[in-house]
Amino acid sequence: MKILAPISKVYEVEDVIKAGADEIYCGVYTKEWRRIYTSLASPNRRAGRSANLDDFKELCRVVTLAHSHKTPVSFTINEFYSEEQYDLVMDNIRQAVDAGVDALTVVDINVLLMVKERQYNTKIHMGTGGTTFNSQTVAFYKDLGVSRVILDRQLSIEEIGLIASKSGDTELAVFALNQKCHNIDGFCTFQHGLMAAKYPFLSNSLNIKPLKRLLDLYPGDATWMEAAIFRKALGCCLDYEISEGELESSPEKRAELLRFFYVGNFLDRCGACALYDLDKFKIGFVKIVGREDLTAKKIRDIKFIRGSKDLLKENPEKPVFIEKVKALYKDIYSGNCNSSFCYY
């Protein structure tokens, strides 16, 4: 079971690998894409320069650095596109292949078919937007040339185990840390990258003054502030108003509304305790989400998952493993884990 970790800057590569990443993934958000489609349409479900490399020259440097450490690189081009976007998407893919990436992570079936037709010498991974809920879907993607499938966030541990038992030699990846969205990726039509910094009308919903104060205290690479705002500005995280009449209509209606408009923190969900079962299922990769996170957080997250994995080598009983993972969490993050934020 290997660790799939995010990067968004060239200088992160070696630190992330030294922290314990077995494979890295990243996206590119070019000037051309921003000029044509603005921040309202990311090529990879992560808008903003804080979450992406700036150009394919940087991607070449990332690949060179990663390969010098024998670490594969996956290029994310995992959005659903309009017909007019396909030419630019395929040009981005060509440049990524030329840069030497080891895999392309896609979700758009048309893109998958076009990549297959071109017979690029690179692996194809199906992202979570592919909405894989069963082993038949895994087999479907395998027939289309996919070598790895990232399973949907909404699956339970039992469902993951069942899929793993019927998926043969297809690599499976699951999420281990951060951002368990309450919507299903492949079916979600929320805007996935609205920036408060660029859209001032959001300021009533987002308290960004503390972020600006932190920027004064810690200048340097200011793109981290965009990342912090991004984490508060996803469309599905904006404040909603629900009238008393709607809430009082019926217990069932109230429960339904509160499930959808919940005021929870889905950004910091943790699935480390599930590594015990995932290891038994022989899951190939656990994925850490957060391309837009600060480098320091990425490194902490990788060390935590790596440390949790290492605990499995002691062959502990499950309750012992969970207690040790909780202790490790407290040590790395300086606080107790919150059971209400469990990924699974």
C-alpha atoms as a PDB file:
ATOM      1  CA  MET A   1       0.000   0.000   0.000  1.00  0.00           C
ATOM      2  CA  LYS A   2       1.712   3.146  -1.259  1.00  0.00           C
ATOM      3  CA  ILE A   3       1.148   6.847  -0.593  1.00  0.00           C
ATOM      4  CA  LEU A   4      -0.065   9.096  -3.407  1.00  0.00           C
ATOM      5  CA  ALA A   5       0.653  12.723  -2.444  1.00  0.00           C
ATOM      6  CA  PRO A   6       0.025  16.153  -3.999  1.00  0.00           C
ATOM      7  CA  ILE A   7       2.427  18.896  -5.043  1.00  0.00           C
ATOM      8  CA  SER A   8       1.810  22.282  -6.639  1.00  0.00           C
ATOM      9  CA  LYS A   9       5.325  23.770  -6.662  1.00  0.00           C
ATOM     10  CA  VAL A  10       8.611  22.466  -8.021  1.00  0.00           C
ATOM     11  CA  TYR A  11      10.370  23.159  -4.710  1.00  0.00           C
ATOM     12  CA  GLU A  12       7.982  20.778  -2.909  1.00  0.00           C
ATOM     13  CA  VAL A  13       9.011  17.670  -4.822  1.00  0.00           C
ATOM     14  CA  GLU A  14      12.068  16.547  -2.870  1.00  0.00           C
ATOM     15  CA  ASP A  15      10.599  17.432   0.539  1.00  0.00           C
ATOM     16  CA  VAL A  16       7.398  15.530  -0.205  1.00  0.00           C
ATOM     17  CA  ILE A  17       9.335  12.471  -1.367  1.00  0.00           C
ATOM     18  CA  LYS A  18      11.649  12.588   1.660  1.00  0.00           C
ATOM     19  CA  ALA A  19       8.565  12.783   3.893  1.00  0.00           C
ATOM     20  CA  GLY A  20       7.435   9.420   2.521  1.00  0.00           C
ATOM     21  CA  ALA A  21       5.443   9.894  -0.695  1.00  0.00           C
ATOM     22  CA  ASP A  22       5.706   6.910  -3.044  1.00  0.00           C
ATOM     23  CA  GLU A  23       4.105   8.757  -5.958  1.00  0.00           C
ATOM     24  CA  ILE A  24       3.152  12.372  -6.576  1.00  0.00           C
ATOM     25  CA  TYR A  25       0.360  13.961  -8.567  1.00  0.00           C
ATOM     26  CA  CYS A  26      -0.038  17.510  -9.861  1.00  0.00           C
ATOM     27  CA  GLY A  27      -1.833  19.689 -12.375  1.00  0.00           C
ATOM     28  CA  VAL A  28      -0.890  22.587 -14.650  1.00  0.00           C
ATOM     29  CA  TYR A  29      -2.929  25.789 -14.862  1.00  0.00           C
ATOM     30  CA  THR A  30      -1.493  27.698 -17.807  1.00  0.00           C
ATOM     31  CA  LYS A  31      -1.838  31.364 -18.717  1.00  0.00           C
ATOM     32  CA  GLU A  32      -3.618  30.306 -21.895  1.00  0.00           C
ATOM     33  CA  TRP A  33      -6.248  28.342 -19.963  1.00  0.00           C
ATOM     34  CA  ARG A  34      -6.759  31.206 -17.486  1.00  0.00           C
ATOM     35  CA  ARG A  35      -7.058  33.722 -20.304  1.00  0.00           C
ATOM     36  CA  ILE A  36      -9.720  31.742 -22.153  1.00  0.00           C
ATOM     37  CA  TYR A  37     -11.724  30.211 -19.300  1.00  0.00           C
ATOM     38  CA  THR A  38     -10.815  32.354 -16.239  1.00  0.00           C
ATOM     39  CA  SER A  39     -10.894  30.997 -12.691  1.00  0.00           C
ATOM     40  CA  LEU A  40     -14.420  29.674 -13.209  1.00  0.00           C
ATOM     41  CA  ALA A  41     -13.201  26.685 -15.217  1.00  0.00           C
ATOM     42  CA  SER A  42     -10.198  24.749 -13.969  1.00  0.00           C
ATOM     43  CA  PRO A  43      -8.707  22.000 -16.163  1.00  0.00           C
ATOM     44  CA  ASN A  44      -8.328  19.727 -13.129  1.00  0.00           C
ATOM     45  CA  ARG A  45     -10.892  20.512 -10.421  1.00  0.00           C
ATOM     46  CA  ARG A  46      -8.429  22.752  -8.592  1.00  0.00           C
ATOM     47  CA  ALA A  47      -8.569  26.391  -9.626  1.00  0.00           C
ATOM     48  CA  GLY A  48      -5.889  28.905  -8.754  1.00  0.00           C
ATOM     49  CA  ARG A  49      -2.137  28.997  -9.096  1.00  0.00           C
ATOM     50  CA  SER A  50      -1.716  27.905  -5.484  1.00  0.00           C
ATOM     51  CA  ALA A  51      -3.001  24.441  -6.426  1.00  0.00           C
ATOM     52  CA  ASN A  52      -1.157  24.030  -9.718  1.00  0.00           C
ATOM     53  CA  LEU A  53       2.099  24.375 -11.567  1.00  0.00           C
ATOM     54  CA  ASP A  54       2.239  27.419 -13.844  1.00  0.00           C
ATOM     55  CA  ASP A  55       3.397  25.768 -17.054  1.00  0.00           C
ATOM     56  CA  PHE A  56       4.758  22.614 -18.609  1.00  0.00           C
ATOM     57  CA  LYS A  57       8.362  23.705 -18.178  1.00  0.00           C
ATOM     58  CA  GLU A  58       7.731  23.393 -14.445  1.00  0.00           C
ATOM     59  CA  LEU A  59       6.161  19.991 -15.022  1.00  0.00           C
ATOM     60  CA  CYS A  60       9.342  18.889 -16.824  1.00  0.00           C
ATOM     61  CA  ARG A  61      11.372  19.946 -13.788  1.00  0.00           C
ATOM     62  CA  VAL A  62       8.989  18.096 -11.456  1.00  0.00           C
ATOM     63  CA  VAL A  63       9.291  14.903 -13.504  1.00  0.00           C
ATOM     64  CA  THR A  64      13.085  15.160 -13.674  1.00  0.00           C
ATOM     65  CA  LEU A  65      13.366  15.665  -9.905  1.00  0.00           C
ATOM     66  CA  ALA A  66      10.871  12.945  -9.050  1.00  0.00           C
ATOM     67  CA  HIS A  67      12.433  10.427 -11.409  1.00  0.00           C
ATOM     68  CA  SER A  68      15.855  11.131  -9.908  1.00  0.00           C
ATOM     69  CA  HIS A  69      14.326   9.688  -6.721  1.00  0.00           C
ATOM     70  CA  LYS A  70      12.625   6.874  -8.672  1.00  0.00           C
ATOM     71  CA  THR A  71       9.223   8.384  -7.866  1.00  0.00           C
ATOM     72  CA  PRO A  72       6.416   8.297 -10.481  1.00  0.00           C
ATOM     73  CA  VAL A  73       4.427  11.399 -11.414  1.00  0.00           C
ATOM     74  CA  SER A  74       0.734  11.422 -12.295  1.00  0.00           C
ATOM     75  CA  PHE A  75      -0.673  14.374 -14.256  1.00  0.00           C
ATOM     76  CA  THR A  76      -4.237  15.331 -13.335  1.00  0.00           C
ATOM     77  CA  ILE A  77      -6.504  16.376 -16.173  1.00  0.00           C
ATOM     78  CA  ASN A  78      -9.604  15.203 -14.332  1.00  0.00           C
ATOM     79  CA  GLU A  79     -12.491  17.499 -15.143  1.00  0.00           C
ATOM     80  CA  PHE A  80     -15.521  17.092 -17.384  1.00  0.00           C
ATOM     81  CA  TYR A  81     -15.129  19.316 -20.433  1.00  0.00           C
ATOM     82  CA  SER A  82     -17.232  21.050 -23.033  1.00  0.00           C
ATOM     83  CA  GLU A  83     -16.655  20.135 -26.670  1.00  0.00           C
ATOM     84  CA  GLU A  84     -14.821  23.387 -27.354  1.00  0.00           C
ATOM     85  CA  GLN A  85     -12.293  22.617 -24.616  1.00  0.00           C
ATOM     86  CA  TYR A  86     -11.115  19.266 -25.964  1.00  0.00           C
ATOM     87  CA  ASP A  87      -8.460  20.640 -28.327  1.00  0.00           C
ATOM     88  CA  LEU A  88      -6.747  22.533 -25.507  1.00  0.00           C
ATOM     89  CA  VAL A  89      -7.160  19.593 -23.113  1.00  0.00           C
ATOM     90  CA  MET A  90      -5.516  17.216 -25.573  1.00  0.00           C
ATOM     91  CA  ASP A  91      -2.723  19.713 -26.199  1.00  0.00           C
ATOM     92  CA  ASN A  92      -2.112  19.815 -22.430  1.00  0.00           C
ATOM     93  CA  ILE A  93      -2.034  16.028 -22.356  1.00  0.00           C
ATOM     94  CA  ARG A  94       0.458  15.928 -25.238  1.00  0.00           C
ATOM     95  CA  GLN A  95       2.741  18.339 -23.379  1.00  0.00           C
ATOM     96  CA  ALA A  96       2.436  16.305 -20.185  1.00  0.00           C
ATOM     97  CA  VAL A  97       3.361  13.116 -22.045  1.00  0.00           C
ATOM     98  CA  ASP A  98       6.298  14.934 -23.654  1.00  0.00           C
ATOM     99  CA  ALA A  99       7.364  16.022 -20.164  1.00  0.00           C
ATOM    100  CA  GLY A 100       7.644  12.354 -19.230  1.00  0.00           C
ATOM    101  CA  VAL A 101       4.774  11.856 -16.772  1.00  0.00           C
ATOM    102  CA  ASP A 102       4.127   8.260 -15.797  1.00  0.00           C
ATOM    103  CA  ALA A 103       0.334   8.467 -15.776  1.00  0.00           C
ATOM    104  CA  LEU A 104      -2.632  10.619 -16.714  1.00  0.00           C
ATOM    105  CA  THR A 105      -5.514  10.893 -14.247  1.00  0.00           C
ATOM    106  CA  VAL A 106      -8.737  11.491 -16.180  1.00  0.00           C
ATOM    107  CA  VAL A 107     -12.482  11.254 -15.575  1.00  0.00           C
ATOM    108  CA  ASP A 108     -13.997  12.414 -18.860  1.00  0.00           C
ATOM    109  CA  ILE A 109     -14.800   9.353 -20.991  1.00  0.00           C
ATOM    110  CA  ASN A 110     -14.217  11.292 -24.217  1.00  0.00           C
ATOM    111  CA  VAL A 111     -10.732  12.247 -23.016  1.00  0.00           C
ATOM    112  CA  LEU A 112     -10.083   8.644 -22.006  1.00  0.00           C
ATOM    113  CA  LEU A 113     -11.045   7.424 -25.487  1.00  0.00           C
ATOM    114  CA  MET A 114      -8.947  10.085 -27.226  1.00  0.00           C
ATOM    115  CA  VAL A 115      -5.918   9.232 -25.092  1.00  0.00           C
ATOM    116  CA  LYS A 116      -6.381   5.539 -25.848  1.00  0.00           C
ATOM    117  CA  GLU A 117      -6.654   6.282 -29.576  1.00  0.00           C
ATOM    118  CA  ARG A 118      -3.346   8.158 -29.553  1.00  0.00           C
ATOM    119  CA  GLN A 119      -1.590   5.229 -27.876  1.00  0.00           C
ATOM    120  CA  TYR A 120       0.600   7.329 -25.631  1.00  0.00           C
ATOM    121  CA  ASN A 121       3.273   5.430 -23.734  1.00  0.00           C
ATOM    122  CA  THR A 122       1.822   6.338 -20.365  1.00  0.00           C
ATOM    123  CA  LYS A 123      -0.600   4.750 -17.914  1.00  0.00           C
ATOM    124  CA  ILE A 124      -4.178   5.937 -17.523  1.00  0.00           C
ATOM    125  CA  HIS A 125      -5.779   6.323 -14.102  1.00  0.00           C
ATOM    126  CA  MET A 126      -9.487   6.880 -13.562  1.00  0.00           C
ATOM    127  CA  GLY A 127     -10.124   9.610 -10.993  1.00  0.00           C
ATOM    128  CA  THR A 128     -12.847   9.631  -8.381  1.00  0.00           C
ATOM    129  CA  GLY A 129     -15.044  11.611 -10.779  1.00  0.00           C
ATOM    130  CA  GLY A 130     -15.457   8.319 -12.628  1.00  0.00           C
ATOM    131  CA  THR A 131     -17.961   7.350  -9.899  1.00  0.00           C
ATOM    132  CA  THR A 132     -16.749   3.807  -9.336  1.00  0.00           C
ATOM    133  CA  PHE A 133     -19.155   2.108  -6.928  1.00  0.00           C
ATOM    134  CA  ASN A 134     -18.679  -1.546  -7.885  1.00  0.00           C
ATOM    135  CA  SER A 135     -16.353  -4.076  -9.481  1.00  0.00           C
ATOM    136  CA  GLN A 136     -18.267  -4.012 -12.775  1.00  0.00           C
ATOM    137  CA  THR A 137     -17.295  -0.368 -13.195  1.00  0.00           C
ATOM    138  CA  VAL A 138     -13.672  -1.251 -12.461  1.00  0.00           C
ATOM    139  CA  ALA A 139     -13.849  -3.919 -15.183  1.00  0.00           C
ATOM    140  CA  PHE A 140     -15.450  -1.434 -17.597  1.00  0.00           C
ATOM    141  CA  TYR A 141     -12.594   1.035 -17.148  1.00  0.00           C
ATOM    142  CA  LYS A 142     -10.011  -1.736 -17.390  1.00  0.00           C
ATOM    143  CA  ASP A 143     -11.426  -2.693 -20.792  1.00  0.00           C
ATOM    144  CA  LEU A 144     -10.853   0.923 -21.860  1.00  0.00           C
ATOM    145  CA  GLY A 145      -7.193   0.766 -20.900  1.00  0.00           C
ATOM    146  CA  VAL A 146      -7.283   2.079 -17.325  1.00  0.00           C
ATOM    147  CA  SER A 147      -4.632   0.548 -15.043  1.00  0.00           C
ATOM    148  CA  ARG A 148      -5.714   2.217 -11.782  1.00  0.00           C
ATOM    149  CA  VAL A 149      -9.097   3.293 -10.447  1.00  0.00           C
ATOM    150  CA  ILE A 150      -9.522   5.785  -7.605  1.00  0.00           C
ATOM    151  CA  LEU A 151     -12.634   4.643  -5.768  1.00  0.00           C
ATOM    152  CA  ASP A 152     -15.399   7.031  -4.823  1.00  0.00           C
ATOM    153  CA  ARG A 153     -15.262   8.805  -1.490  1.00  0.00           C
ATOM    154  CA  GLN A 154     -18.760   7.705  -0.549  1.00  0.00           C
ATOM    155  CA  LEU A 155     -17.924   3.996  -0.319  1.00  0.00           C
ATOM    156  CA  SER A 156     -17.841   2.238   3.024  1.00  0.00           C
ATOM    157  CA  ILE A 157     -14.934   0.060   4.138  1.00  0.00           C
ATOM    158  CA  GLU A 158     -17.068  -3.033   3.531  1.00  0.00           C
ATOM    159  CA  GLU A 159     -17.902  -1.912  -0.009  1.00  0.00           C
ATOM    160  CA  ILE A 160     -14.225  -1.175  -0.734  1.00  0.00           C
ATOM    161  CA  GLY A 161     -13.322  -4.672   0.461  1.00  0.00           C
ATOM    162  CA  LEU A 162     -15.939  -6.262  -1.772  1.00  0.00           C
ATOM    163  CA  ILE A 163     -14.764  -4.307  -4.841  1.00  0.00           C
ATOM    164  CA  ALA A 164     -11.122  -5.157  -4.092  1.00  0.00           C
ATOM    165  CA  SER A 165     -11.946  -8.867  -3.894  1.00  0.00           C
ATOM    166  CA  LYS A 166     -13.412  -8.796  -7.417  1.00  0.00           C
ATOM    167  CA  SER A 167     -11.105  -6.388  -9.258  1.00  0.00           C
ATOM    168  CA  GLY A 168      -8.293  -8.732 -10.218  1.00  0.00           C
ATOM    169  CA  ASP A 169      -5.029  -7.050 -11.135  1.00  0.00           C
ATOM    170  CA  THR A 170      -6.459  -3.532 -11.538  1.00  0.00           C
ATOM    171  CA  GLU A 171      -4.780  -1.168  -9.072  1.00  0.00           C
ATOM    172  CA  LEU A 172      -7.175   0.495  -6.651  1.00  0.00           C
ATOM    173  CA  ALA A 173      -6.640   3.740  -4.768  1.00  0.00           C
ATOM    174  CA  VAL A 174      -8.720   5.190  -1.934  1.00  0.00           C
ATOM    175  CA  PHE A 175      -8.662   8.432   0.015  1.00  0.00           C
ATOM    176  CA  ALA A 176      -6.818   8.617   3.306  1.00  0.00           C
ATOM    177  CA  LEU A 177      -6.797  12.280   4.317  1.00  0.00           C
ATOM    178  CA  ASN A 178      -8.559  15.615   3.750  1.00  0.00           C
ATOM    179  CA  GLN A 179     -11.643  16.805   1.905  1.00  0.00           C
ATOM    180  CA  LYS A 180     -14.352  14.212   2.107  1.00  0.00           C
ATOM    181  CA  CYS A 181     -16.896  16.104   0.090  1.00  0.00           C
ATOM    182  CA  HIS A 182     -20.500  15.343   1.013  1.00  0.00           C
ATOM    183  CA  ASN A 183     -21.412  15.339  -2.685  1.00  0.00           C
ATOM    184  CA  ILE A 184     -20.506  12.643  -5.214  1.00  0.00           C
ATOM    185  CA  ASP A 185     -17.701  14.017  -7.388  1.00  0.00           C
ATOM    186  CA  GLY A 186     -18.889  12.659 -10.704  1.00  0.00           C
ATOM    187  CA  PHE A 187     -22.438  13.945 -10.168  1.00  0.00           C
ATOM    188  CA  CYS A 188     -21.656  17.282  -8.519  1.00  0.00           C
ATOM    189  CA  THR A 189     -22.397  20.476 -10.456  1.00  0.00           C
ATOM    190  CA  PHE A 190     -21.216  22.960  -7.823  1.00  0.00           C
ATOM    191  CA  GLN A 191     -18.546  25.409  -8.895  1.00  0.00           C
ATOM    192  CA  HIS A 192     -15.306  23.814  -7.697  1.00  0.00           C
ATOM    193  CA  GLY A 193     -13.009  26.793  -7.337  1.00  0.00           C
ATOM    194  CA  LEU A 194     -14.684  30.107  -6.576  1.00  0.00           C
ATOM    195  CA  MET A 195     -12.134  32.571  -5.192  1.00  0.00           C
ATOM    196  CA  ALA A 196     -13.240  35.084  -2.574  1.00  0.00           C
ATOM    197  CA  ALA A 197     -10.183  37.210  -3.323  1.00  0.00           C
ATOM    198  CA  LYS A 198     -11.406  37.675  -6.883  1.00  0.00           C
ATOM    199  CA  TYR A 199     -15.111  37.879  -6.067  1.00  0.00           C
ATOM    200  CA  PRO A 200     -15.594  40.436  -3.270  1.00  0.00           C
ATOM    201  CA  PHE A 201     -19.321  39.724  -2.949  1.00  0.00           C
ATOM    202  CA  LEU A 202     -18.343  36.558  -1.099  1.00  0.00           C
ATOM    203  CA  SER A 203     -16.739  38.519   1.733  1.00  0.00           C
ATOM    204  CA  ASN A 204     -19.941  38.411   3.795  1.00  0.00           C
ATOM    205  CA  SER A 205     -19.713  34.633   3.859  1.00  0.00           C
ATOM    206  CA  LEU A 206     -15.949  34.371   4.333  1.00  0.00           C
ATOM    207  CA  ASN A 207     -13.956  35.848   7.163  1.00  0.00           C
ATOM    208  CA  ILE A 208     -10.758  36.650   5.275  1.00  0.00           C
ATOM    209  CA  LYS A 209      -9.394  39.388   7.552  1.00  0.00           C
ATOM    210  CA  PRO A 210      -7.437  36.902   9.695  1.00  0.00           C
ATOM    211  CA  LEU A 211      -5.906  35.515   6.516  1.00  0.00           C
ATOM    212  CA  LYS A 212      -4.735  38.971   5.488  1.00  0.00           C
ATOM    213  CA  ARG A 213      -3.283  39.482   8.956  1.00  0.00           C
ATOM    214  CA  LEU A 214      -1.370  36.220   8.655  1.00  0.00           C
ATOM    215  CA  LEU A 215      -0.061  37.370   5.294  1.00  0.00           C
ATOM    216  CA  ASP A 216       1.396  40.444   7.022  1.00  0.00           C
ATOM    217  CA  LEU A 217       3.083  38.228   9.596  1.00  0.00           C
ATOM    218  CA  TYR A 218       4.349  35.663   7.108  1.00  0.00           C
ATOM    219  CA  PRO A 219       5.080  37.321   3.751  1.00  0.00           C
ATOM    220  CA  GLY A 220       7.150  35.190   1.319  1.00  0.00           C
ATOM    221  CA  ASP A 221       5.201  33.160  -1.209  1.00  0.00           C
ATOM    222  CA  ALA A 222       1.765  34.749  -1.029  1.00  0.00           C
ATOM    223  CA  THR A 223       0.027  32.046  -3.032  1.00  0.00           C
ATOM    224  CA  TRP A 224      -0.692  30.198   0.221  1.00  0.00           C
ATOM    225  CA  MET A 225      -3.273  32.870   1.086  1.00  0.00           C
ATOM    226  CA  GLU A 226      -5.132  32.089  -2.110  1.00  0.00           C
ATOM    227  CA  ALA A 227      -5.042  28.459  -1.033  1.00  0.00           C
ATOM    228  CA  ALA A 228      -6.475  29.285   2.391  1.00  0.00           C
ATOM    229  CA  ILE A 229      -9.263  31.316   0.837  1.00  0.00           C
ATOM    230  CA  PHE A 230      -9.930  28.540  -1.679  1.00  0.00           C
ATOM    231  CA  ARG A 231     -10.454  26.095   1.198  1.00  0.00           C
ATOM    232  CA  LYS A 232     -13.254  28.341   2.460  1.00  0.00           C
ATOM    233  CA  ALA A 233     -14.717  29.317  -0.900  1.00  0.00           C
ATOM    234  CA  LEU A 234     -15.917  26.165  -2.598  1.00  0.00           C
ATOM    235  CA  GLY A 235     -19.475  26.618  -3.771  1.00  0.00           C
ATOM    236  CA  CYS A 236     -20.770  23.882  -1.488  1.00  0.00           C
ATOM    237  CA  CYS A 237     -19.100  25.519   1.541  1.00  0.00           C
ATOM    238  CA  LEU A 238     -20.835  28.869   1.227  1.00  0.00           C
ATOM    239  CA  ASP A 239     -23.363  29.872   3.876  1.00  0.00           C
ATOM    240  CA  TYR A 240     -26.984  29.025   3.186  1.00  0.00           C
ATOM    241  CA  GLU A 241     -30.183  30.298   4.723  1.00  0.00           C
ATOM    242  CA  ILE A 242     -32.966  27.876   5.610  1.00  0.00           C
ATOM    243  CA  SER A 243     -36.289  29.258   6.781  1.00  0.00           C
ATOM    244  CA  GLU A 244     -37.906  28.028   9.989  1.00  0.00           C
ATOM    245  CA  GLY A 245     -40.878  26.882   7.941  1.00  0.00           C
ATOM    246  CA  GLU A 246     -38.679  24.549   5.904  1.00  0.00           C
ATOM    247  CA  LEU A 247     -37.043  23.115   9.010  1.00  0.00           C
ATOM    248  CA  GLU A 248     -40.355  22.615  10.789  1.00  0.00           C
ATOM    249  CA  SER A 249     -42.155  21.036   7.843  1.00  0.00           C
ATOM    250  CA  SER A 250     -41.381  17.496   9.019  1.00  0.00           C
ATOM    251  CA  PRO A 251     -38.645  15.607  10.890  1.00  0.00           C
ATOM    252  CA  GLU A 252     -37.682  13.896   7.629  1.00  0.00           C
ATOM    253  CA  LYS A 253     -37.431  17.190   5.724  1.00  0.00           C
ATOM    254  CA  ARG A 254     -35.395  18.743   8.526  1.00  0.00           C
ATOM    255  CA  ALA A 255     -32.975  15.827   8.559  1.00  0.00           C
ATOM    256  CA  GLU A 256     -32.626  15.976   4.771  1.00  0.00           C
ATOM    257  CA  LEU A 257     -31.884  19.708   4.762  1.00  0.00           C
ATOM    258  CA  LEU A 258     -29.411  19.509   7.598  1.00  0.00           C
ATOM    259  CA  ARG A 259     -27.574  16.659   5.906  1.00  0.00           C
ATOM    260  CA  PHE A 260     -27.126  18.785   2.793  1.00  0.00           C
ATOM    261  CA  PHE A 261     -26.510  22.174   4.383  1.00  0.00           C
ATOM    262  CA  TYR A 262     -24.439  20.861   7.241  1.00  0.00           C
ATOM    263  CA  VAL A 263     -21.942  23.131   8.976  1.00  0.00           C
ATOM    264  CA  GLY A 264     -19.159  20.581   9.259  1.00  0.00           C
ATOM    265  CA  ASN A 265     -15.512  20.689   8.332  1.00  0.00           C
ATOM    266  CA  PHE A 266     -15.104  18.228   5.499  1.00  0.00           C
ATOM    267  CA  LEU A 267     -11.654  19.600   4.693  1.00  0.00           C
ATOM    268  CA  ASP A 268      -9.814  17.820   7.486  1.00  0.00           C
ATOM    269  CA  ARG A 269     -11.331  14.342   7.345  1.00  0.00           C
ATOM    270  CA  CYS A 270      -9.030  11.489   8.319  1.00  0.00           C
ATOM    271  CA  GLY A 271      -9.063   7.835   7.256  1.00  0.00           C
ATOM    272  CA  ALA A 272      -5.848   6.656   8.908  1.00  0.00           C
ATOM    273  CA  CYS A 273      -7.570   4.123  11.164  1.00  0.00           C
ATOM    274  CA  ALA A 274      -9.018   2.475   8.046  1.00  0.00           C
ATOM    275  CA  LEU A 275      -5.493   1.596   6.863  1.00  0.00           C
ATOM    276  CA  TYR A 276      -5.771  -1.574   8.941  1.00  0.00           C
ATOM    277  CA  ASP A 277      -8.607  -2.900   6.765  1.00  0.00           C
ATOM    278  CA  LEU A 278      -7.328  -1.366   3.527  1.00  0.00           C
ATOM    279  CA  ASP A 279      -4.050  -3.202   4.015  1.00  0.00           C
ATOM    280  CA  LYS A 280      -5.937  -6.488   4.410  1.00  0.00           C
ATOM    281  CA  PHE A 281      -7.826  -5.726   1.185  1.00  0.00           C
ATOM    282  CA  LYS A 282      -4.471  -5.186  -0.595  1.00  0.00           C
ATOM    283  CA  ILE A 283      -5.441  -1.700  -1.751  1.00  0.00           C
ATOM    284  CA  GLY A 284      -2.564  -0.414  -3.882  1.00  0.00           C
ATOM    285  CA  PHE A 285      -2.585   3.296  -3.023  1.00  0.00           C
ATOM    286  CA  VAL A 286      -3.933   5.666  -0.400  1.00  0.00           C
ATOM    287  CA  LYS A 287      -4.390   9.219  -1.617  1.00  0.00           C
ATOM    288  CA  ILE A 288      -3.785  12.413   0.335  1.00  0.00           C
ATOM    289  CA  VAL A 289      -5.871  15.296  -0.986  1.00  0.00           C
ATOM    290  CA  GLY A 290      -4.754  18.926  -0.913  1.00  0.00           C
ATOM    291  CA  ARG A 291      -2.783  20.278  -3.858  1.00  0.00           C
ATOM    292  CA  GLU A 292      -3.597  23.786  -2.620  1.00  0.00           C
ATOM    293  CA  ASP A 293      -2.349  23.170   0.934  1.00  0.00           C
ATOM    294  CA  LEU A 294       0.778  24.726   2.394  1.00  0.00           C
ATOM    295  CA  THR A 295       3.948  22.702   1.909  1.00  0.00           C
ATOM    296  CA  ALA A 296       4.299  22.235   5.671  1.00  0.00           C
ATOM    297  CA  LYS A 297       0.819  20.702   5.890  1.00  0.00           C
ATOM    298  CA  LYS A 298       1.511  18.376   2.969  1.00  0.00           C
ATOM    299  CA  ILE A 299       4.662  17.147   4.706  1.00  0.00           C
ATOM    300  CA  ARG A 300       2.851  16.657   8.041  1.00  0.00           C
ATOM    301  CA  ASP A 301       0.066  14.752   6.295  1.00  0.00           C
ATOM    302  CA  ILE A 302       2.503  12.453   4.497  1.00  0.00           C
ATOM    303  CA  LYS A 303       4.486  11.786   7.677  1.00  0.00           C
ATOM    304  CA  PHE A 304       1.267  10.968   9.498  1.00  0.00           C
ATOM    305  CA  ILE A 305       0.055   8.482   6.892  1.00  0.00           C
ATOM    306  CA  ARG A 306       3.559   7.027   6.531  1.00  0.00           C
ATOM    307  CA  GLY A 307       3.799   6.639  10.305  1.00  0.00           C
ATOM    308  CA  SER A 308       0.362   5.037  10.432  1.00  0.00           C
ATOM    309  CA  LYS A 309       1.396   2.600   7.713  1.00  0.00           C
ATOM    310  CA  ASP A 310       4.588   1.737   9.609  1.00  0.00           C
ATOM    311  CA  LEU A 311       2.501   0.798  12.631  1.00  0.00           C
ATOM    312  CA  LEU A 312       1.016  -2.028  10.585  1.00  0.00           C
ATOM    313  CA  LYS A 313       4.448  -3.683  10.424  1.00  0.00           C
ATOM    314  CA  GLU A 314       4.133  -4.431  14.135  1.00  0.00           C
ATOM    315  CA  ASN A 315       1.201  -6.701  13.251  1.00  0.00           C
ATOM    316  CA  PRO A 316      -1.006  -5.283  16.024  1.00  0.00           C
ATOM    317  CA  GLU A 317      -4.606  -6.145  16.777  1.00  0.00           C
ATOM    318  CA  LYS A 318      -7.007  -3.636  15.254  1.00  0.00           C
ATOM    319  CA  PRO A 319      -7.933  -1.835  18.538  1.00  0.00           C
ATOM    320  CA  VAL A 320      -4.228  -1.472  19.390  1.00  0.00           C
ATOM    321  CA  PHE A 321      -3.483  -0.113  15.918  1.00  0.00           C
ATOM    322  CA  ILE A 322      -6.271   2.474  16.202  1.00  0.00           C
ATOM    323  CA  GLU A 323      -5.057   3.674  19.601  1.00  0.00           C
ATOM    324  CA  LYS A 324      -1.525   4.038  18.261  1.00  0.00           C
ATOM    325  CA  VAL A 325      -2.772   5.956  15.223  1.00  0.00           C
ATOM    326  CA  LYS A 326      -4.693   8.324  17.484  1.00  0.00           C
ATOM    327  CA  ALA A 327      -1.545   8.886  19.559  1.00  0.00           C
ATOM    328  CA  LEU A 328       0.447   9.572  16.401  1.00  0.00           C
ATOM    329  CA  TYR A 329      -2.221  12.025  15.234  1.00  0.00           C
ATOM    330  CA  LYS A 330      -1.970  13.888  18.525  1.00  0.00           C
ATOM    331  CA  ASP A 331       1.807  13.984  18.281  1.00  0.00           C
ATOM    332  CA  ILE A 332       1.912  15.298  14.698  1.00  0.00           C
ATOM    333  CA  TYR A 333      -1.064  17.664  14.752  1.00  0.00           C
ATOM    334  CA  SER A 334      -0.881  18.713  18.433  1.00  0.00           C
ATOM    335  CA  GLY A 335      -4.483  17.825  19.135  1.00  0.00           C
ATOM    336  CA  ASN A 336      -6.836  14.907  19.603  1.00  0.00           C
ATOM    337  CA  CYS A 337      -8.501  13.418  16.550  1.00  0.00           C
ATOM    338  CA  ASN A 338     -12.217  14.085  16.270  1.00  0.00           C
ATOM    339  CA  SER A 339     -14.238  10.931  15.626  1.00  0.00           C
ATOM    340  CA  SER A 340     -16.916  12.984  13.856  1.00  0.00           C
ATOM    341  CA  PHE A 341     -14.357  13.741  11.134  1.00  0.00           C
ATOM    342  CA  CYS A 342     -13.589  10.103  10.322  1.00  0.00           C
ATOM    343  CA  TYR A 343     -13.341   9.492   6.583  1.00  0.00           C
ATOM    344  CA  TYR A 344     -14.984   6.090   6.725  1.00  0.00           C
END
